[in-house]
């Protein structure tokens, strides 16, 4: 959904059903409002087995539930149990020391997007998409590449929207403050937390 100048052209809906994969509440603030404004019928899907520890997962889930009430959209919560956690750690085995934004993240994108596409197919949604693209630290090109492959597998169209564009990320920061949402200081997995904690320690010593 981009023109020849690589400028994003936003789709217009006719109230088709969209399953929106949600990473966290702050990242979902702007995408939900944008999709509704484009005349799509939005349902949120919180599925993030990468988030650790459990207390952090529960905190982020609670914030997403608050947002679903504030912005009035239905929310589906994916599995988060020992089996799912073991599967995620097995998925990224050998990549524990990769820096944020590396191959571990690619596999994490793929796992969550595939679960979203499958659920969208099973529940009869017209489209699926994700809030991953709102972060300036995430590879939207990877998201689009993975998602278009999943289109062919599950037969559900992917809404290719880079939510960070047109000041989308800035809007999410403003909206998060407006709603009083908790903003985490690391992506989600325990490996990103270790990296983030280390960077903060270094900066405080400078």
N, C-alpha and C. Protein backbone atom coordinates (compact mmCIF):
# COMPACT_ATOMS: atom_id res chain seq x y z
N UNK A 1 0.82 -1.20 0.00
CA UNK A 1 0.00 0.00 0.00
C UNK A 1 0.86 1.26 0.00
N UNK A 2 1.86 1.26 -0.86
CA UNK A 2 2.75 2.40 -0.97
C UNK A 2 2.81 2.82 -2.42
N UNK A 3 2.98 4.12 -2.68
CA UNK A 3 3.09 4.57 -4.04
C UNK A 3 4.54 4.53 -4.48
N UNK A 4 4.83 5.03 -5.71
CA UNK A 4 6.17 4.92 -6.25
C UNK A 4 7.19 5.77 -5.51
N UNK A 5 6.76 6.74 -4.78
CA UNK A 5 7.67 7.58 -4.01
C UNK A 5 7.86 7.05 -2.60
N UNK A 6 7.36 5.83 -2.37
CA UNK A 6 7.54 5.18 -1.08
C UNK A 6 6.78 5.89 0.04
N UNK A 7 5.76 6.66 -0.35
CA UNK A 7 4.91 7.29 0.65
C UNK A 7 3.73 6.37 0.94
N UNK A 8 3.39 6.31 2.19
CA UNK A 8 2.33 5.39 2.59
C UNK A 8 0.95 5.91 2.16
N UNK A 9 0.19 5.05 1.52
CA UNK A 9 -1.19 5.35 1.17
C UNK A 9 -2.08 4.51 2.09
N UNK A 10 -2.84 5.16 2.93
CA UNK A 10 -3.65 4.44 3.90
C UNK A 10 -4.89 3.84 3.24
N UNK A 11 -5.23 2.61 3.62
CA UNK A 11 -6.42 1.96 3.05
C UNK A 11 -7.69 2.56 3.62
N UNK A 12 -8.76 2.45 2.89
CA UNK A 12 -10.07 2.87 3.39
C UNK A 12 -10.95 1.65 3.53
N UNK A 13 -11.57 1.50 4.67
CA UNK A 13 -12.40 0.34 4.91
C UNK A 13 -13.88 0.61 4.72
N UNK A 14 -14.63 -0.46 4.79
CA UNK A 14 -16.09 -0.38 4.76
C UNK A 14 -16.62 -1.19 5.94
N UNK A 15 -15.97 -0.93 7.09
CA UNK A 15 -16.29 -1.59 8.35
C UNK A 15 -16.03 -3.10 8.31
N UNK A 16 -15.00 -3.50 7.52
CA UNK A 16 -14.56 -4.88 7.56
C UNK A 16 -13.90 -5.17 8.91
N UNK A 17 -13.87 -6.44 9.26
CA UNK A 17 -13.33 -6.85 10.56
C UNK A 17 -11.80 -7.03 10.47
N UNK A 18 -11.11 -6.37 11.40
CA UNK A 18 -9.65 -6.44 11.45
C UNK A 18 -9.21 -6.98 12.81
N UNK A 19 -8.34 -8.00 12.79
CA UNK A 19 -7.75 -8.48 14.03
C UNK A 19 -6.39 -7.80 14.19
N UNK A 20 -6.28 -6.97 15.20
CA UNK A 20 -5.07 -6.18 15.45
C UNK A 20 -4.23 -6.83 16.54
N UNK A 21 -3.08 -7.37 16.15
CA UNK A 21 -2.16 -7.88 17.15
C UNK A 21 -1.60 -6.71 17.95
N UNK A 22 -1.67 -6.81 19.28
CA UNK A 22 -1.24 -5.73 20.17
C UNK A 22 -0.04 -6.19 20.99
N UNK A 23 1.05 -5.41 20.90
CA UNK A 23 2.25 -5.69 21.70
C UNK A 23 2.07 -5.19 23.12
N UNK A 24 1.53 -3.98 23.25
CA UNK A 24 1.33 -3.36 24.55
C UNK A 24 0.34 -2.22 24.37
N UNK A 25 -0.17 -1.72 25.46
CA UNK A 25 -1.19 -0.68 25.40
C UNK A 25 -0.70 0.61 24.74
N UNK A 26 0.47 1.15 25.11
CA UNK A 26 0.93 2.38 24.46
C UNK A 26 1.03 2.26 22.95
N UNK A 27 1.52 1.10 22.47
CA UNK A 27 1.67 0.91 21.03
C UNK A 27 0.34 0.79 20.31
N UNK A 28 -0.72 0.45 21.04
CA UNK A 28 -2.03 0.25 20.41
C UNK A 28 -2.87 1.53 20.36
N UNK A 29 -2.50 2.54 21.14
CA UNK A 29 -3.36 3.74 21.25
C UNK A 29 -3.68 4.36 19.90
N UNK A 30 -2.65 4.68 19.15
CA UNK A 30 -2.84 5.33 17.85
C UNK A 30 -3.38 4.38 16.79
N UNK A 31 -2.85 3.15 16.65
CA UNK A 31 -3.38 2.24 15.63
C UNK A 31 -4.87 1.98 15.74
N UNK A 32 -5.38 1.81 16.95
CA UNK A 32 -6.81 1.56 17.10
C UNK A 32 -7.62 2.75 16.59
N UNK A 33 -7.23 3.96 17.00
CA UNK A 33 -7.96 5.15 16.56
C UNK A 33 -7.85 5.35 15.05
N UNK A 34 -6.66 5.08 14.51
CA UNK A 34 -6.46 5.24 13.07
C UNK A 34 -7.33 4.26 12.29
N UNK A 35 -7.32 3.00 12.69
CA UNK A 35 -8.11 1.99 11.98
C UNK A 35 -9.61 2.29 12.06
N UNK A 36 -10.04 2.73 13.22
CA UNK A 36 -11.46 3.11 13.34
C UNK A 36 -11.78 4.29 12.45
N UNK A 37 -10.87 5.25 12.39
CA UNK A 37 -11.07 6.42 11.54
C UNK A 37 -11.07 6.08 10.06
N UNK A 38 -10.41 4.98 9.71
CA UNK A 38 -10.40 4.51 8.31
C UNK A 38 -11.58 3.58 8.03
N UNK A 39 -12.49 3.48 8.99
CA UNK A 39 -13.73 2.70 8.84
C UNK A 39 -13.50 1.19 8.83
N UNK A 40 -12.66 0.75 9.79
CA UNK A 40 -12.50 -0.68 10.02
C UNK A 40 -13.08 -1.02 11.39
N UNK A 41 -13.55 -2.25 11.51
CA UNK A 41 -14.09 -2.76 12.76
C UNK A 41 -12.97 -3.52 13.48
N UNK A 42 -12.46 -2.95 14.56
CA UNK A 42 -11.23 -3.43 15.19
C UNK A 42 -11.48 -4.34 16.39
N UNK A 43 -10.78 -5.48 16.40
CA UNK A 43 -10.70 -6.34 17.58
C UNK A 43 -9.23 -6.50 17.93
N UNK A 44 -8.89 -6.32 19.19
CA UNK A 44 -7.51 -6.46 19.62
C UNK A 44 -7.17 -7.90 19.97
N UNK A 45 -5.92 -8.28 19.76
CA UNK A 45 -5.44 -9.62 20.10
C UNK A 45 -4.10 -9.47 20.83
N UNK A 46 -4.12 -9.71 22.13
CA UNK A 46 -2.91 -9.61 22.94
C UNK A 46 -2.29 -10.99 23.06
N UNK A 47 -1.25 -11.21 22.26
CA UNK A 47 -0.54 -12.49 22.30
C UNK A 47 0.95 -12.21 22.26
N UNK A 48 1.63 -12.39 23.40
CA UNK A 48 3.04 -12.03 23.52
C UNK A 48 3.76 -12.95 24.50
N UNK A 49 4.05 -14.20 24.07
CA UNK A 49 4.75 -15.12 24.97
C UNK A 49 6.21 -14.72 25.19
N UNK A 50 6.66 -13.70 24.47
CA UNK A 50 8.02 -13.20 24.64
C UNK A 50 8.19 -12.37 25.91
N UNK A 51 7.09 -11.88 26.47
CA UNK A 51 7.18 -10.97 27.61
C UNK A 51 7.54 -11.73 28.89
N UNK A 52 8.59 -11.27 29.55
CA UNK A 52 9.04 -11.86 30.81
C UNK A 52 9.53 -10.76 31.74
N UNK A 53 9.43 -10.93 33.04
CA UNK A 53 8.83 -12.08 33.74
C UNK A 53 7.30 -12.02 33.73
N UNK A 54 6.68 -12.97 34.41
CA UNK A 54 5.22 -13.07 34.41
C UNK A 54 4.58 -11.80 34.96
N UNK A 55 5.20 -11.22 35.99
CA UNK A 55 4.64 -10.00 36.59
C UNK A 55 4.57 -8.86 35.56
N UNK A 56 5.57 -8.79 34.70
CA UNK A 56 5.59 -7.78 33.66
C UNK A 56 4.49 -8.05 32.64
N UNK A 57 4.32 -9.32 32.29
CA UNK A 57 3.25 -9.69 31.36
C UNK A 57 1.88 -9.28 31.91
N UNK A 58 1.63 -9.59 33.15
CA UNK A 58 0.34 -9.28 33.75
C UNK A 58 0.10 -7.77 33.82
N UNK A 59 1.17 -7.03 34.08
CA UNK A 59 1.06 -5.57 34.15
C UNK A 59 0.68 -5.00 32.78
N UNK A 60 1.33 -5.51 31.73
CA UNK A 60 1.03 -5.02 30.38
C UNK A 60 -0.36 -5.44 29.93
N UNK A 61 -0.75 -6.66 30.29
CA UNK A 61 -2.10 -7.12 29.94
C UNK A 61 -3.16 -6.25 30.59
N UNK A 62 -2.96 -5.90 31.84
CA UNK A 62 -3.92 -5.05 32.55
C UNK A 62 -4.05 -3.69 31.86
N UNK A 63 -2.95 -3.14 31.38
CA UNK A 63 -2.99 -1.86 30.68
C UNK A 63 -3.74 -1.98 29.35
N UNK A 64 -3.56 -3.10 28.66
CA UNK A 64 -4.29 -3.31 27.41
C UNK A 64 -5.79 -3.44 27.67
N UNK A 65 -6.14 -4.10 28.75
CA UNK A 65 -7.56 -4.21 29.11
C UNK A 65 -8.15 -2.83 29.41
N UNK A 66 -7.38 -1.98 30.08
CA UNK A 66 -7.84 -0.61 30.34
C UNK A 66 -8.08 0.12 29.02
N UNK A 67 -7.12 -0.02 28.10
CA UNK A 67 -7.24 0.67 26.82
C UNK A 67 -8.44 0.18 26.02
N UNK A 68 -8.73 -1.11 26.09
CA UNK A 68 -9.88 -1.65 25.36
C UNK A 68 -11.19 -1.03 25.87
N UNK A 69 -11.20 -0.68 27.15
CA UNK A 69 -12.37 -0.01 27.72
C UNK A 69 -12.39 1.46 27.31
N UNK A 70 -11.23 2.13 27.38
CA UNK A 70 -11.15 3.54 27.02
C UNK A 70 -11.55 3.77 25.56
N UNK A 71 -11.04 2.89 24.68
CA UNK A 71 -11.26 3.08 23.24
C UNK A 71 -12.38 2.21 22.68
N UNK A 72 -12.99 1.43 23.56
CA UNK A 72 -14.19 0.66 23.20
C UNK A 72 -13.95 -0.31 22.03
N UNK A 73 -13.03 -1.25 22.24
CA UNK A 73 -12.85 -2.30 21.25
C UNK A 73 -12.77 -3.65 21.97
N UNK A 74 -13.30 -4.72 21.37
CA UNK A 74 -13.21 -6.05 21.99
C UNK A 74 -11.78 -6.54 22.00
N UNK A 75 -11.46 -7.33 23.02
CA UNK A 75 -10.10 -7.82 23.20
C UNK A 75 -10.08 -9.33 23.37
N UNK A 76 -9.20 -9.98 22.60
CA UNK A 76 -8.96 -11.41 22.75
C UNK A 76 -7.57 -11.57 23.37
N UNK A 77 -7.47 -12.38 24.41
CA UNK A 77 -6.19 -12.60 25.07
C UNK A 77 -5.69 -14.00 24.71
N UNK A 78 -4.48 -14.05 24.14
CA UNK A 78 -3.89 -15.33 23.75
C UNK A 78 -3.33 -16.10 24.94
N UNK A 79 -2.84 -17.29 24.63
CA UNK A 79 -2.31 -18.15 25.68
C UNK A 79 -1.01 -17.59 26.28
N UNK A 80 -0.88 -17.80 27.57
CA UNK A 80 0.37 -17.47 28.26
C UNK A 80 0.49 -18.46 29.41
N UNK A 81 1.16 -19.56 29.15
CA UNK A 81 1.32 -20.62 30.14
C UNK A 81 2.69 -21.27 29.97
N UNK A 82 2.98 -22.25 30.80
CA UNK A 82 4.32 -22.87 30.77
C UNK A 82 4.64 -23.48 29.41
N UNK A 83 3.67 -24.10 28.79
CA UNK A 83 3.91 -24.73 27.49
C UNK A 83 4.25 -23.69 26.42
N UNK A 84 3.49 -22.60 26.41
CA UNK A 84 3.73 -21.53 25.44
C UNK A 84 5.09 -20.89 25.68
N UNK A 85 5.43 -20.68 26.94
CA UNK A 85 6.72 -20.07 27.27
C UNK A 85 7.89 -20.97 26.85
N UNK A 86 7.76 -22.26 27.11
CA UNK A 86 8.82 -23.20 26.70
C UNK A 86 8.99 -23.19 25.18
N UNK A 87 7.88 -23.12 24.48
CA UNK A 87 7.94 -23.10 23.01
C UNK A 87 8.65 -21.85 22.51
N UNK A 88 8.40 -20.71 23.16
CA UNK A 88 9.04 -19.47 22.73
C UNK A 88 10.55 -19.52 22.98
N UNK A 89 10.96 -20.00 24.15
CA UNK A 89 12.38 -20.10 24.44
C UNK A 89 13.07 -21.09 23.50
N UNK A 90 12.36 -22.16 23.16
CA UNK A 90 12.92 -23.13 22.21
C UNK A 90 13.08 -22.49 20.84
N UNK A 91 12.12 -21.64 20.46
CA UNK A 91 12.15 -20.97 19.17
C UNK A 91 13.41 -20.12 18.99
N UNK A 92 13.81 -19.43 20.06
CA UNK A 92 14.93 -18.48 19.95
C UNK A 92 16.24 -19.04 20.52
N UNK A 93 16.28 -20.34 20.73
CA UNK A 93 17.49 -20.96 21.28
C UNK A 93 18.68 -20.65 20.36
N UNK A 94 19.82 -20.37 20.99
CA UNK A 94 21.02 -20.04 20.25
C UNK A 94 21.13 -18.57 19.88
N UNK A 95 20.06 -17.82 20.10
CA UNK A 95 20.04 -16.40 19.74
C UNK A 95 19.92 -15.51 20.97
N UNK A 96 20.18 -16.08 22.11
CA UNK A 96 19.98 -15.34 23.36
C UNK A 96 20.85 -14.09 23.46
N UNK A 97 22.04 -14.13 22.86
CA UNK A 97 22.97 -13.00 22.99
C UNK A 97 22.89 -12.03 21.81
N UNK A 98 21.96 -12.26 20.90
CA UNK A 98 21.77 -11.33 19.78
C UNK A 98 21.32 -9.97 20.32
N UNK A 99 21.77 -8.92 19.69
CA UNK A 99 21.32 -7.58 20.09
C UNK A 99 19.86 -7.38 19.67
N UNK A 100 19.21 -6.48 20.36
CA UNK A 100 17.82 -6.14 20.02
C UNK A 100 17.76 -5.71 18.55
N UNK A 101 16.79 -6.26 17.83
CA UNK A 101 16.64 -5.94 16.42
C UNK A 101 17.27 -6.97 15.50
N UNK A 102 17.84 -8.03 16.06
CA UNK A 102 18.50 -9.06 15.27
C UNK A 102 17.58 -10.22 14.93
N UNK A 103 18.20 -11.36 14.63
CA UNK A 103 17.43 -12.53 14.17
C UNK A 103 16.45 -13.06 15.20
N UNK A 104 16.76 -12.89 16.47
CA UNK A 104 15.82 -13.32 17.50
C UNK A 104 14.50 -12.57 17.37
N UNK A 105 14.59 -11.29 17.08
CA UNK A 105 13.38 -10.48 16.92
C UNK A 105 12.58 -10.91 15.68
N UNK A 106 13.30 -11.26 14.61
CA UNK A 106 12.62 -11.71 13.39
C UNK A 106 11.75 -12.93 13.69
N UNK A 107 12.32 -13.90 14.40
CA UNK A 107 11.57 -15.10 14.73
C UNK A 107 10.40 -14.79 15.66
N UNK A 108 10.62 -13.83 16.56
CA UNK A 108 9.55 -13.44 17.48
C UNK A 108 8.40 -12.77 16.73
N UNK A 109 8.74 -11.88 15.79
CA UNK A 109 7.71 -11.28 14.94
C UNK A 109 6.89 -12.38 14.26
N UNK A 110 7.63 -13.31 13.66
CA UNK A 110 6.99 -14.35 12.85
C UNK A 110 6.05 -15.21 13.68
N UNK A 111 6.48 -15.59 14.87
CA UNK A 111 5.64 -16.44 15.72
C UNK A 111 4.35 -15.74 16.11
N UNK A 112 4.44 -14.49 16.50
CA UNK A 112 3.25 -13.76 16.92
C UNK A 112 2.34 -13.42 15.75
N UNK A 113 2.94 -13.07 14.61
CA UNK A 113 2.13 -12.78 13.44
C UNK A 113 1.41 -14.01 12.92
N UNK A 114 2.09 -15.15 12.97
CA UNK A 114 1.44 -16.37 12.49
C UNK A 114 0.26 -16.74 13.37
N UNK A 115 0.42 -16.59 14.67
CA UNK A 115 -0.71 -16.89 15.56
C UNK A 115 -1.87 -15.93 15.29
N UNK A 116 -1.55 -14.70 14.97
CA UNK A 116 -2.59 -13.71 14.66
C UNK A 116 -3.31 -14.06 13.36
N UNK A 117 -2.54 -14.39 12.33
CA UNK A 117 -3.13 -14.75 11.03
C UNK A 117 -4.01 -15.99 11.16
N UNK A 118 -3.55 -16.98 11.90
CA UNK A 118 -4.33 -18.21 12.07
C UNK A 118 -5.63 -17.93 12.79
N UNK A 119 -5.56 -17.11 13.85
CA UNK A 119 -6.78 -16.79 14.59
C UNK A 119 -7.74 -15.98 13.72
N UNK A 120 -7.19 -15.05 12.93
CA UNK A 120 -8.03 -14.26 12.03
C UNK A 120 -8.76 -15.17 11.05
N UNK A 121 -8.07 -16.18 10.55
CA UNK A 121 -8.70 -17.16 9.65
C UNK A 121 -9.78 -17.96 10.37
N UNK A 122 -9.43 -18.46 11.56
CA UNK A 122 -10.36 -19.32 12.30
C UNK A 122 -11.64 -18.59 12.70
N UNK A 123 -11.53 -17.29 12.98
CA UNK A 123 -12.68 -16.51 13.46
C UNK A 123 -13.36 -15.72 12.35
N UNK A 124 -12.88 -15.85 11.12
CA UNK A 124 -13.55 -15.21 10.00
C UNK A 124 -13.32 -13.72 9.86
N UNK A 125 -12.14 -13.24 10.25
CA UNK A 125 -11.82 -11.83 10.06
C UNK A 125 -11.47 -11.57 8.59
N UNK A 126 -11.68 -10.33 8.18
CA UNK A 126 -11.34 -9.94 6.81
C UNK A 126 -9.86 -9.61 6.67
N UNK A 127 -9.28 -9.07 7.74
CA UNK A 127 -7.88 -8.63 7.72
C UNK A 127 -7.20 -8.93 9.05
N UNK A 128 -5.87 -8.90 9.03
CA UNK A 128 -5.10 -8.87 10.26
C UNK A 128 -3.98 -7.86 10.08
N UNK A 129 -3.51 -7.32 11.20
CA UNK A 129 -2.38 -6.39 11.18
C UNK A 129 -1.77 -6.36 12.58
N UNK A 130 -0.77 -5.50 12.80
CA UNK A 130 -0.07 -5.51 14.09
C UNK A 130 0.43 -4.12 14.47
N UNK A 131 0.52 -3.91 15.77
CA UNK A 131 1.06 -2.65 16.29
C UNK A 131 2.58 -2.63 16.30
N UNK A 132 3.23 -3.72 15.94
CA UNK A 132 4.69 -3.79 15.96
C UNK A 132 5.31 -2.63 15.18
N UNK A 133 4.67 -2.25 14.07
CA UNK A 133 5.26 -1.25 13.18
C UNK A 133 5.25 0.17 13.74
N UNK A 134 4.61 0.40 14.88
CA UNK A 134 4.60 1.76 15.41
C UNK A 134 5.92 2.13 16.09
N UNK A 135 6.68 1.14 16.47
CA UNK A 135 7.94 1.42 17.16
C UNK A 135 9.04 1.78 16.17
N UNK A 136 9.77 2.87 16.43
CA UNK A 136 10.91 3.23 15.56
C UNK A 136 12.07 2.24 15.69
N UNK A 137 11.98 1.34 16.66
CA UNK A 137 13.05 0.35 16.88
C UNK A 137 12.75 -0.99 16.22
N UNK A 138 11.60 -1.12 15.57
CA UNK A 138 11.20 -2.38 14.97
C UNK A 138 11.31 -2.31 13.45
N UNK A 139 11.60 -3.46 12.82
CA UNK A 139 11.78 -3.55 11.38
C UNK A 139 10.44 -3.78 10.69
N UNK A 140 9.84 -2.72 10.20
CA UNK A 140 8.55 -2.84 9.51
C UNK A 140 8.67 -3.67 8.24
N UNK A 141 9.83 -3.59 7.57
CA UNK A 141 10.01 -4.38 6.35
C UNK A 141 9.96 -5.87 6.66
N UNK A 142 10.52 -6.28 7.80
CA UNK A 142 10.42 -7.68 8.21
C UNK A 142 8.97 -8.06 8.49
N UNK A 143 8.26 -7.19 9.18
CA UNK A 143 6.86 -7.45 9.49
C UNK A 143 6.06 -7.66 8.21
N UNK A 144 6.26 -6.78 7.24
CA UNK A 144 5.51 -6.88 5.98
C UNK A 144 5.87 -8.14 5.21
N UNK A 145 7.14 -8.46 5.18
CA UNK A 145 7.60 -9.67 4.48
C UNK A 145 6.95 -10.92 5.07
N UNK A 146 7.00 -11.03 6.38
CA UNK A 146 6.41 -12.19 7.07
C UNK A 146 4.91 -12.24 6.86
N UNK A 147 4.26 -11.10 7.05
CA UNK A 147 2.80 -11.06 7.00
C UNK A 147 2.26 -11.41 5.61
N UNK A 148 2.93 -10.97 4.56
CA UNK A 148 2.44 -11.30 3.21
C UNK A 148 2.64 -12.77 2.89
N UNK A 149 3.63 -13.41 3.47
CA UNK A 149 3.76 -14.86 3.33
C UNK A 149 2.61 -15.56 4.04
N UNK A 150 2.22 -15.03 5.20
CA UNK A 150 1.12 -15.63 5.96
C UNK A 150 -0.22 -15.43 5.27
N UNK A 151 -0.37 -14.36 4.52
CA UNK A 151 -1.59 -14.16 3.71
C UNK A 151 -1.85 -15.38 2.85
N UNK A 152 -0.82 -15.84 2.18
CA UNK A 152 -0.96 -16.97 1.25
C UNK A 152 -1.25 -18.28 1.98
N UNK A 153 -0.74 -18.39 3.20
CA UNK A 153 -0.94 -19.62 3.97
C UNK A 153 -2.34 -19.69 4.56
N UNK A 154 -2.80 -18.58 5.12
CA UNK A 154 -4.07 -18.60 5.87
C UNK A 154 -5.24 -17.96 5.12
N UNK A 155 -4.97 -17.32 4.02
CA UNK A 155 -6.06 -16.76 3.22
C UNK A 155 -6.75 -15.57 3.83
N UNK A 156 -6.04 -14.85 4.69
CA UNK A 156 -6.58 -13.62 5.29
C UNK A 156 -5.67 -12.48 4.86
N UNK A 157 -6.26 -11.38 4.40
CA UNK A 157 -5.47 -10.26 3.91
C UNK A 157 -4.78 -9.53 5.06
N UNK A 158 -3.58 -9.03 4.77
CA UNK A 158 -2.83 -8.25 5.74
C UNK A 158 -2.94 -6.77 5.40
N UNK A 159 -3.28 -5.97 6.41
CA UNK A 159 -3.31 -4.51 6.23
C UNK A 159 -1.90 -3.98 6.43
N UNK A 160 -1.25 -3.58 5.35
CA UNK A 160 0.12 -3.09 5.44
C UNK A 160 0.12 -1.61 5.79
N UNK A 161 0.25 -1.36 7.08
CA UNK A 161 0.30 0.02 7.57
C UNK A 161 1.52 0.17 8.47
N UNK A 162 2.37 1.11 8.15
CA UNK A 162 3.50 1.44 9.01
C UNK A 162 3.01 2.52 9.97
N UNK A 163 2.57 2.09 11.14
CA UNK A 163 1.89 3.00 12.06
C UNK A 163 2.77 4.12 12.59
N UNK A 164 4.09 3.97 12.49
CA UNK A 164 4.96 5.03 13.01
C UNK A 164 4.96 6.25 12.10
N UNK A 165 4.57 6.07 10.83
CA UNK A 165 4.62 7.17 9.87
C UNK A 165 3.55 8.22 10.15
N UNK A 166 3.73 9.38 9.54
CA UNK A 166 2.81 10.51 9.74
C UNK A 166 2.64 10.82 11.22
N UNK A 167 3.79 10.79 11.94
CA UNK A 167 3.84 11.11 13.37
C UNK A 167 3.04 10.14 14.23
N UNK A 168 2.89 8.91 13.75
CA UNK A 168 2.14 7.92 14.50
C UNK A 168 2.76 7.59 15.85
N UNK A 169 4.09 7.45 15.87
CA UNK A 169 4.74 7.13 17.14
C UNK A 169 4.58 8.28 18.13
N UNK A 170 4.77 9.51 17.65
CA UNK A 170 4.59 10.68 18.53
C UNK A 170 3.17 10.73 19.08
N UNK A 171 2.21 10.42 18.22
CA UNK A 171 0.81 10.42 18.66
C UNK A 171 0.59 9.37 19.74
N UNK A 172 1.25 8.21 19.61
CA UNK A 172 1.08 7.16 20.62
C UNK A 172 1.64 7.59 21.97
N UNK A 173 2.72 8.35 21.95
CA UNK A 173 3.30 8.84 23.21
C UNK A 173 2.35 9.81 23.89
N UNK A 174 1.79 10.71 23.10
CA UNK A 174 0.84 11.70 23.64
C UNK A 174 -0.41 11.02 24.18
N UNK A 175 -0.94 10.05 23.42
CA UNK A 175 -2.15 9.34 23.84
C UNK A 175 -1.89 8.51 25.09
N UNK A 176 -0.71 7.92 25.19
CA UNK A 176 -0.38 7.13 26.37
C UNK A 176 -0.40 7.98 27.63
N UNK A 177 0.13 9.19 27.51
CA UNK A 177 0.11 10.11 28.65
C UNK A 177 -1.33 10.53 28.97
N UNK A 178 -2.11 10.76 27.93
CA UNK A 178 -3.50 11.17 28.12
C UNK A 178 -4.29 10.10 28.88
N UNK A 179 -4.08 8.83 28.50
CA UNK A 179 -4.79 7.73 29.15
C UNK A 179 -4.14 7.29 30.46
N UNK A 180 -2.95 7.81 30.75
CA UNK A 180 -2.25 7.44 31.97
C UNK A 180 -1.74 6.01 31.95
N UNK A 181 -1.25 5.56 30.79
CA UNK A 181 -0.82 4.18 30.63
C UNK A 181 0.64 3.98 31.06
N UNK A 182 0.92 2.82 31.57
CA UNK A 182 2.28 2.41 31.92
C UNK A 182 3.07 2.18 30.63
N UNK A 183 4.24 2.82 30.53
CA UNK A 183 5.13 2.62 29.38
C UNK A 183 6.37 1.87 29.85
N UNK A 184 6.55 0.67 29.35
CA UNK A 184 7.67 -0.16 29.74
C UNK A 184 8.98 0.38 29.19
N UNK A 185 10.10 -0.03 29.77
CA UNK A 185 11.41 0.46 29.33
C UNK A 185 12.24 -0.61 28.63
N UNK A 186 11.60 -1.70 28.22
CA UNK A 186 12.27 -2.70 27.37
C UNK A 186 11.21 -3.39 26.53
N UNK A 187 11.63 -4.02 25.44
CA UNK A 187 10.69 -4.56 24.48
C UNK A 187 9.77 -5.60 25.10
N UNK A 188 10.36 -6.62 25.72
CA UNK A 188 9.50 -7.64 26.31
C UNK A 188 10.21 -8.87 26.81
N UNK A 189 11.11 -9.43 26.00
CA UNK A 189 11.76 -10.68 26.42
C UNK A 189 12.85 -10.40 27.46
N UNK A 190 13.22 -11.45 28.16
CA UNK A 190 14.21 -11.30 29.23
C UNK A 190 15.56 -10.86 28.68
N UNK A 191 15.84 -11.24 27.44
CA UNK A 191 17.12 -10.87 26.82
C UNK A 191 17.16 -9.37 26.50
N UNK A 192 16.03 -8.83 26.06
CA UNK A 192 15.97 -7.39 25.80
C UNK A 192 16.03 -6.61 27.11
N UNK A 193 15.49 -7.19 28.18
CA UNK A 193 15.55 -6.53 29.49
C UNK A 193 16.99 -6.43 29.97
N UNK A 194 17.74 -7.51 29.83
CA UNK A 194 19.15 -7.50 30.25
C UNK A 194 19.92 -6.45 29.46
N UNK A 195 19.69 -6.38 28.16
CA UNK A 195 20.37 -5.41 27.32
C UNK A 195 19.99 -3.99 27.70
N UNK A 196 18.70 -3.76 27.92
CA UNK A 196 18.21 -2.43 28.28
C UNK A 196 18.76 -1.99 29.64
N UNK A 197 18.77 -2.90 30.60
CA UNK A 197 19.30 -2.58 31.93
C UNK A 197 20.78 -2.22 31.85
N UNK A 198 21.51 -2.94 31.02
CA UNK A 198 22.95 -2.69 30.87
C UNK A 198 23.20 -1.30 30.26
N UNK A 199 22.44 -0.97 29.24
CA UNK A 199 22.60 0.34 28.59
C UNK A 199 22.29 1.46 29.55
N UNK A 200 21.26 1.30 30.37
CA UNK A 200 20.91 2.34 31.34
C UNK A 200 22.01 2.51 32.38
N UNK A 201 22.61 1.40 32.82
CA UNK A 201 23.69 1.49 33.80
C UNK A 201 24.89 2.23 33.23
N UNK A 202 25.22 1.94 31.97
CA UNK A 202 26.34 2.61 31.31
C UNK A 202 26.09 4.11 31.21
N UNK A 203 24.88 4.47 30.83
CA UNK A 203 24.54 5.89 30.67
C UNK A 203 24.60 6.65 31.98
N UNK A 204 24.21 6.00 33.07
CA UNK A 204 24.24 6.69 34.37
C UNK A 204 25.68 6.91 34.86
N UNK A 205 26.62 6.13 34.32
CA UNK A 205 28.02 6.26 34.72
C UNK A 205 28.78 7.27 33.88
N UNK A 206 28.17 7.73 32.79
CA UNK A 206 28.86 8.69 31.90
C UNK A 206 28.88 10.09 32.50
